[in-house]
Amino acid sequence: MKKIRAIAITDVLFEECPVFELKDNGYFEMLKDNTFRYEKECVEEDPDWLIFEVEDEDVVLTNR
């Protein structure tokens, strides 16, 4: 099953980097805490986010 995930570039400066996954509700939700979420359009339009397609063991960067 293909998943769409994203990370904020600025988060790689820290010890941990939260991963967000696009859900059916149209939001990218943090995997560890789904109360943190961003609208799909905000993430897609912001150059500070990297968006990936993940399927099994394959990861493809989709927005650079």
C-alpha atoms as a PDB file:
ATOM      1  CA  MET A   1       0.000   0.000   0.000  1.00  0.00           C
ATOM      2  CA  LYS A   2       1.404   3.375  -1.040  1.00  0.00           C
ATOM      3  CA  LYS A   3       1.659   6.096   1.607  1.00  0.00           C
ATOM      4  CA  ILE A   4       2.422   9.786   1.218  1.00  0.00           C
ATOM      5  CA  ARG A   5       4.693  11.093   3.949  1.00  0.00           C
ATOM      6  CA  ALA A   6       6.421  14.392   4.642  1.00  0.00           C
ATOM      7  CA  ILE A   7       9.086  15.934   6.832  1.00  0.00           C
ATOM      8  CA  ALA A   8       9.861  19.585   7.470  1.00  0.00           C
ATOM      9  CA  ILE A   9      13.404  20.464   6.403  1.00  0.00           C
ATOM     10  CA  THR A  10      13.909  22.615   9.504  1.00  0.00           C
ATOM     11  CA  ASP A  11      13.264  19.610  11.765  1.00  0.00           C
ATOM     12  CA  VAL A  12      16.427  17.838  10.626  1.00  0.00           C
ATOM     13  CA  LEU A  13      18.379  20.278  12.805  1.00  0.00           C
ATOM     14  CA  PHE A  14      17.121  18.492  15.914  1.00  0.00           C
ATOM     15  CA  GLU A  15      17.702  15.084  17.457  1.00  0.00           C
ATOM     16  CA  GLU A  16      14.394  13.757  16.172  1.00  0.00           C
ATOM     17  CA  CYS A  17      12.559  14.490  12.974  1.00  0.00           C
ATOM     18  CA  PRO A  18       8.783  14.006  13.077  1.00  0.00           C
ATOM     19  CA  VAL A  19       7.231  12.225  10.116  1.00  0.00           C
ATOM     20  CA  PHE A  20       3.787  13.217   8.869  1.00  0.00           C
ATOM     21  CA  GLU A  21       1.466  11.032   6.791  1.00  0.00           C
ATOM     22  CA  LEU A  22      -1.319  12.176   4.484  1.00  0.00           C
ATOM     23  CA  LYS A  23      -4.634  10.838   5.749  1.00  0.00           C
ATOM     24  CA  ASP A  24      -8.028  10.527   4.032  1.00  0.00           C
ATOM     25  CA  ASN A  25      -9.216  13.639   5.898  1.00  0.00           C
ATOM     26  CA  GLY A  26      -6.868  15.811   3.791  1.00  0.00           C
ATOM     27  CA  TYR A  27      -4.335  16.460   6.531  1.00  0.00           C
ATOM     28  CA  PHE A  28      -0.730  15.443   7.023  1.00  0.00           C
ATOM     29  CA  GLU A  29      -0.777  14.053  10.575  1.00  0.00           C
ATOM     30  CA  MET A  30       2.278  13.351  12.725  1.00  0.00           C
ATOM     31  CA  LEU A  31       2.790   9.602  13.116  1.00  0.00           C
ATOM     32  CA  LYS A  32       3.633   9.799  16.834  1.00  0.00           C
ATOM     33  CA  ASP A  33       0.914  12.307  17.765  1.00  0.00           C
ATOM     34  CA  ASN A  34      -1.963  12.866  15.351  1.00  0.00           C
ATOM     35  CA  THR A  35      -3.040  16.033  17.177  1.00  0.00           C
ATOM     36  CA  PHE A  36      -0.232  17.734  15.230  1.00  0.00           C
ATOM     37  CA  ARG A  37      -1.424  18.134  11.665  1.00  0.00           C
ATOM     38  CA  TYR A  38      -1.208  20.398   8.650  1.00  0.00           C
ATOM     39  CA  GLU A  39      -3.576  20.851   5.723  1.00  0.00           C
ATOM     40  CA  LYS A  40      -2.437  19.026   2.591  1.00  0.00           C
ATOM     41  CA  GLU A  41      -2.262  22.231   0.537  1.00  0.00           C
ATOM     42  CA  CYS A  42      -0.102  24.007   3.131  1.00  0.00           C
ATOM     43  CA  VAL A  43       2.487  21.235   3.099  1.00  0.00           C
ATOM     44  CA  GLU A  44       2.448  20.888  -0.700  1.00  0.00           C
ATOM     45  CA  GLU A  45       2.897  24.634  -1.273  1.00  0.00           C
ATOM     46  CA  ASP A  46       5.603  25.187   1.361  1.00  0.00           C
ATOM     47  CA  PRO A  47       9.174  24.722   0.047  1.00  0.00           C
ATOM     48  CA  ASP A  48      10.337  23.779   3.568  1.00  0.00           C
ATOM     49  CA  TRP A  49       8.646  20.367   3.322  1.00  0.00           C
ATOM     50  CA  LEU A  50       9.933  17.221   1.625  1.00  0.00           C
ATOM     51  CA  ILE A  51       7.177  14.883   0.404  1.00  0.00           C
ATOM     52  CA  PHE A  52       7.768  11.196  -0.262  1.00  0.00           C
ATOM     53  CA  GLU A  53       5.851   8.256  -1.691  1.00  0.00           C
ATOM     54  CA  VAL A  54       6.508   5.162   0.406  1.00  0.00           C
ATOM     55  CA  GLU A  55       5.599   1.673  -0.760  1.00  0.00           C
ATOM     56  CA  ASP A  56       7.006  -1.378   0.982  1.00  0.00           C
ATOM     57  CA  GLU A  57      10.764  -0.677   1.145  1.00  0.00           C
ATOM     58  CA  ASP A  58      10.778   1.864  -1.709  1.00  0.00           C
ATOM     59  CA  VAL A  59      10.933   5.601  -0.955  1.00  0.00           C
ATOM     60  CA  VAL A  60      10.666   8.237  -3.701  1.00  0.00           C
ATOM     61  CA  LEU A  61      11.018  11.986  -3.169  1.00  0.00           C
ATOM     62  CA  THR A  62       8.162  13.609  -5.087  1.00  0.00           C
ATOM     63  CA  ASN A  63       8.500  17.372  -4.732  1.00  0.00           C
ATOM     64  CA  ARG A  64      12.093  18.325  -5.668  1.00  0.00           C
END
